[in-house]
């Protein structure tokens, strides 16, 4: 499934992919951003999660992945903050990934792309419908307009409810490439 996800993200500007916990959703998003850095793109991205702690965790992980990857030898880090990624290959053009919580991001920000990774909260803690609706409203009314024209918006996570954001996108947002990757395909066959 990881190869299919990578291709889906690479060839679609807007994606919504849902799957179970620990199925490489975040890892694929890290790889996508690292691929764009490797291509020497000059872009600004937001990495959005349910809260500030989780979004900073993800951007910090991307920085760690870059540090140990020999393909990024020569990439210069322009920011010493642990959870803000700002780097350059040539000292002129930069690539930035800034963490942001779904309910506390800078609404005036407009950059190339937004990653929304588990914006519905930790999948182990089910949210109530009021919070789910609040996040869904913020997504449709504010997050959708954050990427510049021609930019990217990728949503990955674990569904919380049959009426949550993922299912609203499937029903109401045909511009998104929507995918579901269940953890259990066939209960009887243990697949």
C-alpha atoms as a PDB file:
ATOM      1  CA  UNK A   1       0.000   0.000   0.000  1.00  0.00           C
ATOM      2  CA  UNK A   2       2.906   2.367   0.590  1.00  0.00           C
ATOM      3  CA  UNK A   3       3.814   2.480  -3.110  1.00  0.00           C
ATOM      4  CA  UNK A   4       0.182   3.087  -4.057  1.00  0.00           C
ATOM      5  CA  UNK A   5      -0.055   5.950  -1.526  1.00  0.00           C
ATOM      6  CA  UNK A   6       3.173   7.528  -2.762  1.00  0.00           C
ATOM      7  CA  UNK A   7       1.930   7.451  -6.360  1.00  0.00           C
ATOM      8  CA  UNK A   8      -1.459   8.829  -5.337  1.00  0.00           C
ATOM      9  CA  UNK A   9       0.145  11.786  -3.575  1.00  0.00           C
ATOM     10  CA  UNK A  10       2.678  12.369  -6.333  1.00  0.00           C
ATOM     11  CA  UNK A  11       0.085  12.498  -9.121  1.00  0.00           C
ATOM     12  CA  UNK A  12      -2.805  14.272  -7.355  1.00  0.00           C
ATOM     13  CA  UNK A  13      -2.808  17.797  -5.933  1.00  0.00           C
ATOM     14  CA  UNK A  14      -5.585  17.017  -3.429  1.00  0.00           C
ATOM     15  CA  UNK A  15      -5.827  13.704  -1.623  1.00  0.00           C
ATOM     16  CA  UNK A  16      -7.747  12.260   1.308  1.00  0.00           C
ATOM     17  CA  UNK A  17      -6.477   8.873   2.445  1.00  0.00           C
ATOM     18  CA  UNK A  18      -7.749   7.096   5.487  1.00  0.00           C
ATOM     19  CA  UNK A  19      -6.358   4.016   7.125  1.00  0.00           C
ATOM     20  CA  UNK A  20      -5.833   2.364  10.470  1.00  0.00           C
ATOM     21  CA  UNK A  21      -3.216   3.325  13.019  1.00  0.00           C
ATOM     22  CA  UNK A  22       0.403   2.419  12.317  1.00  0.00           C
ATOM     23  CA  UNK A  23      -0.044   1.938   8.582  1.00  0.00           C
ATOM     24  CA  UNK A  24       2.703   4.370   7.426  1.00  0.00           C
ATOM     25  CA  UNK A  25       0.452   7.369   6.758  1.00  0.00           C
ATOM     26  CA  UNK A  26       2.836   9.871   8.341  1.00  0.00           C
ATOM     27  CA  UNK A  27       5.899   8.136   6.909  1.00  0.00           C
ATOM     28  CA  UNK A  28       4.519   8.541   3.387  1.00  0.00           C
ATOM     29  CA  UNK A  29       3.880  12.235   4.028  1.00  0.00           C
ATOM     30  CA  UNK A  30       7.448  12.666   5.320  1.00  0.00           C
ATOM     31  CA  UNK A  31       8.752  10.942   2.182  1.00  0.00           C
ATOM     32  CA  UNK A  32       6.657  13.175  -0.078  1.00  0.00           C
ATOM     33  CA  UNK A  33       8.042  16.339   1.491  1.00  0.00           C
ATOM     34  CA  UNK A  34      11.590  14.971   1.407  1.00  0.00           C
ATOM     35  CA  UNK A  35      11.149  14.084  -2.282  1.00  0.00           C
ATOM     36  CA  UNK A  36      10.095  17.674  -2.999  1.00  0.00           C
ATOM     37  CA  UNK A  37      13.156  18.968  -1.124  1.00  0.00           C
ATOM     38  CA  UNK A  38      15.368  16.535  -3.041  1.00  0.00           C
ATOM     39  CA  UNK A  39      13.938  17.901  -6.319  1.00  0.00           C
ATOM     40  CA  UNK A  40      15.202  21.313  -5.167  1.00  0.00           C
ATOM     41  CA  UNK A  41      11.737  22.828  -5.031  1.00  0.00           C
ATOM     42  CA  UNK A  42      11.366  26.320  -3.513  1.00  0.00           C
ATOM     43  CA  UNK A  43       8.193  25.937  -1.437  1.00  0.00           C
ATOM     44  CA  UNK A  44       6.508  26.640   1.878  1.00  0.00           C
ATOM     45  CA  UNK A  45       4.342  23.968   3.513  1.00  0.00           C
ATOM     46  CA  UNK A  46       2.239  23.677   6.662  1.00  0.00           C
ATOM     47  CA  UNK A  47       2.246  20.360   8.494  1.00  0.00           C
ATOM     48  CA  UNK A  48      -1.058  20.383  10.340  1.00  0.00           C
ATOM     49  CA  UNK A  49      -2.178  17.969  13.061  1.00  0.00           C
ATOM     50  CA  UNK A  50      -4.804  17.942  15.802  1.00  0.00           C
ATOM     51  CA  UNK A  51      -2.656  19.906  18.254  1.00  0.00           C
ATOM     52  CA  UNK A  52       0.615  21.810  18.330  1.00  0.00           C
ATOM     53  CA  UNK A  53       2.515  19.000  20.077  1.00  0.00           C
ATOM     54  CA  UNK A  54       1.608  16.470  17.380  1.00  0.00           C
ATOM     55  CA  UNK A  55       2.362  18.818  14.465  1.00  0.00           C
ATOM     56  CA  UNK A  56       5.768  19.671  15.976  1.00  0.00           C
ATOM     57  CA  UNK A  57       6.447  15.968  16.489  1.00  0.00           C
ATOM     58  CA  UNK A  58       5.938  15.360  12.763  1.00  0.00           C
ATOM     59  CA  UNK A  59       8.133  18.226  11.535  1.00  0.00           C
ATOM     60  CA  UNK A  60      10.838  17.199  13.991  1.00  0.00           C
ATOM     61  CA  UNK A  61      10.708  13.651  12.570  1.00  0.00           C
ATOM     62  CA  UNK A  62      11.141  14.960   9.023  1.00  0.00           C
ATOM     63  CA  UNK A  63      14.264  16.823  10.133  1.00  0.00           C
ATOM     64  CA  UNK A  64      15.626  13.643  11.744  1.00  0.00           C
ATOM     65  CA  UNK A  65      14.973  11.634   8.571  1.00  0.00           C
ATOM     66  CA  UNK A  66      16.838  14.206   6.483  1.00  0.00           C
ATOM     67  CA  UNK A  67      19.840  14.245   8.841  1.00  0.00           C
ATOM     68  CA  UNK A  68      20.451  10.492   8.503  1.00  0.00           C
ATOM     69  CA  UNK A  69      19.785  10.290   4.757  1.00  0.00           C
ATOM     70  CA  UNK A  70      22.986  10.489   2.661  1.00  0.00           C
ATOM     71  CA  UNK A  71      21.043  11.893  -0.318  1.00  0.00           C
ATOM     72  CA  UNK A  72      20.661  15.142   1.613  1.00  0.00           C
ATOM     73  CA  UNK A  73      24.379  15.704   2.097  1.00  0.00           C
ATOM     74  CA  UNK A  74      24.965  19.325   1.143  1.00  0.00           C
ATOM     75  CA  UNK A  75      21.514  20.505   2.222  1.00  0.00           C
ATOM     76  CA  UNK A  76      21.912  23.471   4.564  1.00  0.00           C
ATOM     77  CA  UNK A  77      19.628  23.924   7.564  1.00  0.00           C
ATOM     78  CA  UNK A  78      18.532  27.561   7.940  1.00  0.00           C
ATOM     79  CA  UNK A  79      16.620  27.199  11.195  1.00  0.00           C
ATOM     80  CA  UNK A  80      17.875  25.776  14.472  1.00  0.00           C
ATOM     81  CA  UNK A  81      14.395  25.243  15.956  1.00  0.00           C
ATOM     82  CA  UNK A  82      13.823  21.537  16.468  1.00  0.00           C
ATOM     83  CA  UNK A  83      10.383  21.487  14.865  1.00  0.00           C
ATOM     84  CA  UNK A  84      10.618  24.043  12.040  1.00  0.00           C
ATOM     85  CA  UNK A  85      12.265  22.855   8.855  1.00  0.00           C
ATOM     86  CA  UNK A  86      13.825  25.530   6.681  1.00  0.00           C
ATOM     87  CA  UNK A  87      16.578  24.404   4.359  1.00  0.00           C
ATOM     88  CA  UNK A  88      18.374  25.285   1.140  1.00  0.00           C
ATOM     89  CA  UNK A  89      20.585  23.645  -1.432  1.00  0.00           C
ATOM     90  CA  UNK A  90      21.975  26.856  -2.924  1.00  0.00           C
ATOM     91  CA  UNK A  91      21.671  29.509  -0.212  1.00  0.00           C
ATOM     92  CA  UNK A  92      19.081  31.385  -2.305  1.00  0.00           C
ATOM     93  CA  UNK A  93      16.003  29.185  -2.605  1.00  0.00           C
ATOM     94  CA  UNK A  94      14.519  27.575   0.481  1.00  0.00           C
ATOM     95  CA  UNK A  95      12.064  24.868   1.426  1.00  0.00           C
ATOM     96  CA  UNK A  96      10.077  25.390   4.624  1.00  0.00           C
ATOM     97  CA  UNK A  97       7.795  23.110   6.627  1.00  0.00           C
ATOM     98  CA  UNK A  98       6.050  24.791   9.563  1.00  0.00           C
ATOM     99  CA  UNK A  99       3.997  22.885  12.155  1.00  0.00           C
ATOM    100  CA  UNK A 100       0.435  24.043  12.869  1.00  0.00           C
ATOM    101  CA  UNK A 101      -2.519  22.778  14.939  1.00  0.00           C
ATOM    102  CA  UNK A 102      -5.894  22.548  13.167  1.00  0.00           C
ATOM    103  CA  UNK A 103      -7.519  24.957  15.620  1.00  0.00           C
ATOM    104  CA  UNK A 104      -4.673  27.446  15.946  1.00  0.00           C
ATOM    105  CA  UNK A 105      -2.956  28.009  12.607  1.00  0.00           C
ATOM    106  CA  UNK A 106      -2.220  31.348  10.943  1.00  0.00           C
ATOM    107  CA  UNK A 107      -5.254  31.921   8.730  1.00  0.00           C
ATOM    108  CA  UNK A 108      -3.350  34.473   6.641  1.00  0.00           C
ATOM    109  CA  UNK A 109      -0.685  31.934   5.619  1.00  0.00           C
ATOM    110  CA  UNK A 110      -0.599  30.962   1.947  1.00  0.00           C
ATOM    111  CA  UNK A 111       2.110  28.665   0.670  1.00  0.00           C
ATOM    112  CA  UNK A 112       2.502  25.867  -1.792  1.00  0.00           C
ATOM    113  CA  UNK A 113       1.121  22.997   0.263  1.00  0.00           C
ATOM    114  CA  UNK A 114      -0.597  21.722   3.368  1.00  0.00           C
ATOM    115  CA  UNK A 115      -0.344  18.286   4.932  1.00  0.00           C
ATOM    116  CA  UNK A 116      -3.184  17.446   7.329  1.00  0.00           C
ATOM    117  CA  UNK A 117      -2.037  14.443   9.343  1.00  0.00           C
ATOM    118  CA  UNK A 118      -4.431  13.130  12.001  1.00  0.00           C
ATOM    119  CA  UNK A 119      -6.253  16.451  12.386  1.00  0.00           C
ATOM    120  CA  UNK A 120      -9.180  14.576  13.948  1.00  0.00           C
ATOM    121  CA  UNK A 121      -7.009  13.797  17.032  1.00  0.00           C
ATOM    122  CA  UNK A 122      -5.203  10.774  18.286  1.00  0.00           C
ATOM    123  CA  UNK A 123      -7.101   7.824  16.788  1.00  0.00           C
ATOM    124  CA  UNK A 124      -6.998   6.057  20.145  1.00  0.00           C
ATOM    125  CA  UNK A 125      -9.189   8.780  21.696  1.00  0.00           C
ATOM    126  CA  UNK A 126     -12.553   9.116  20.008  1.00  0.00           C
ATOM    127  CA  UNK A 127     -13.805  12.685  19.651  1.00  0.00           C
ATOM    128  CA  UNK A 128     -17.358  13.782  20.202  1.00  0.00           C
ATOM    129  CA  UNK A 129     -19.437  14.912  17.227  1.00  0.00           C
ATOM    130  CA  UNK A 130     -19.255  18.600  18.208  1.00  0.00           C
ATOM    131  CA  UNK A 131     -15.441  18.620  17.945  1.00  0.00           C
ATOM    132  CA  UNK A 132     -15.542  16.590  14.716  1.00  0.00           C
ATOM    133  CA  UNK A 133     -17.976  19.115  13.203  1.00  0.00           C
ATOM    134  CA  UNK A 134     -15.802  22.039  14.347  1.00  0.00           C
ATOM    135  CA  UNK A 135     -12.728  20.542  12.661  1.00  0.00           C
ATOM    136  CA  UNK A 136     -14.720  19.752   9.515  1.00  0.00           C
ATOM    137  CA  UNK A 137     -15.972  23.343   9.344  1.00  0.00           C
ATOM    138  CA  UNK A 138     -12.443  24.728   9.827  1.00  0.00           C
ATOM    139  CA  UNK A 139     -11.157  22.437   7.074  1.00  0.00           C
ATOM    140  CA  UNK A 140     -13.791  23.413   4.493  1.00  0.00           C
ATOM    141  CA  UNK A 141     -13.938  27.109   5.378  1.00  0.00           C
ATOM    142  CA  UNK A 142     -10.263  27.840   6.031  1.00  0.00           C
ATOM    143  CA  UNK A 143      -7.769  25.055   5.315  1.00  0.00           C
ATOM    144  CA  UNK A 144      -8.952  24.504   1.731  1.00  0.00           C
ATOM    145  CA  UNK A 145      -7.960  28.061   0.828  1.00  0.00           C
ATOM    146  CA  UNK A 146      -4.441  27.937   2.336  1.00  0.00           C
ATOM    147  CA  UNK A 147      -2.456  26.458  -0.583  1.00  0.00           C
ATOM    148  CA  UNK A 148      -1.712  28.829  -3.435  1.00  0.00           C
ATOM    149  CA  UNK A 149      -3.438  28.185  -6.760  1.00  0.00           C
ATOM    150  CA  UNK A 150      -1.939  25.015  -8.193  1.00  0.00           C
ATOM    151  CA  UNK A 151      -0.648  23.977  -4.761  1.00  0.00           C
ATOM    152  CA  UNK A 152      -1.233  20.741  -2.875  1.00  0.00           C
ATOM    153  CA  UNK A 153      -3.414  19.613   0.014  1.00  0.00           C
ATOM    154  CA  UNK A 154      -3.048  16.124   1.453  1.00  0.00           C
ATOM    155  CA  UNK A 155      -5.195  14.719   4.250  1.00  0.00           C
ATOM    156  CA  UNK A 156      -4.217  11.463   5.955  1.00  0.00           C
ATOM    157  CA  UNK A 157      -5.586   9.935   9.101  1.00  0.00           C
ATOM    158  CA  UNK A 158      -7.783   7.446  10.869  1.00  0.00           C
ATOM    159  CA  UNK A 159     -11.539   7.951  10.704  1.00  0.00           C
ATOM    160  CA  UNK A 160     -13.317   8.792  13.960  1.00  0.00           C
ATOM    161  CA  UNK A 161     -16.959   8.594  12.899  1.00  0.00           C
ATOM    162  CA  UNK A 162     -19.085   7.826   9.828  1.00  0.00           C
ATOM    163  CA  UNK A 163     -19.911  11.550   9.621  1.00  0.00           C
ATOM    164  CA  UNK A 164     -16.360  12.884  10.016  1.00  0.00           C
ATOM    165  CA  UNK A 165     -14.267  14.939   7.604  1.00  0.00           C
ATOM    166  CA  UNK A 166     -13.113  11.983   5.493  1.00  0.00           C
ATOM    167  CA  UNK A 167     -16.651  10.938   4.647  1.00  0.00           C
ATOM    168  CA  UNK A 168     -17.730  14.549   3.996  1.00  0.00           C
ATOM    169  CA  UNK A 169     -14.876  14.883   1.507  1.00  0.00           C
ATOM    170  CA  UNK A 170     -15.879  11.646  -0.194  1.00  0.00           C
ATOM    171  CA  UNK A 171     -19.431  12.940  -0.528  1.00  0.00           C
ATOM    172  CA  UNK A 172     -18.949  16.684  -1.090  1.00  0.00           C
ATOM    173  CA  UNK A 173     -15.465  17.294  -2.543  1.00  0.00           C
ATOM    174  CA  UNK A 174     -14.988  15.573  -5.909  1.00  0.00           C
ATOM    175  CA  UNK A 175     -11.724  17.475  -6.518  1.00  0.00           C
ATOM    176  CA  UNK A 176     -10.040  15.184  -3.965  1.00  0.00           C
ATOM    177  CA  UNK A 177      -8.599  11.789  -4.797  1.00  0.00           C
ATOM    178  CA  UNK A 178     -10.239   9.826  -1.963  1.00  0.00           C
ATOM    179  CA  UNK A 179      -8.891   6.454  -0.812  1.00  0.00           C
ATOM    180  CA  UNK A 180      -9.556   4.064   2.028  1.00  0.00           C
ATOM    181  CA  UNK A 181      -7.159   1.380   3.182  1.00  0.00           C
ATOM    182  CA  UNK A 182      -8.812  -0.692   5.926  1.00  0.00           C
ATOM    183  CA  UNK A 183      -6.680  -2.678   8.356  1.00  0.00           C
ATOM    184  CA  UNK A 184      -8.993  -5.679   8.009  1.00  0.00           C
ATOM    185  CA  UNK A 185     -10.065  -6.617   4.502  1.00  0.00           C
ATOM    186  CA  UNK A 186     -11.809  -9.901   5.296  1.00  0.00           C
ATOM    187  CA  UNK A 187     -12.546 -10.804   8.923  1.00  0.00           C
ATOM    188  CA  UNK A 188     -13.325 -14.466   8.132  1.00  0.00           C
ATOM    189  CA  UNK A 189     -10.092 -15.078   6.223  1.00  0.00           C
ATOM    190  CA  UNK A 190      -8.040 -13.007   8.677  1.00  0.00           C
ATOM    191  CA  UNK A 191      -6.869 -10.658   5.908  1.00  0.00           C
END
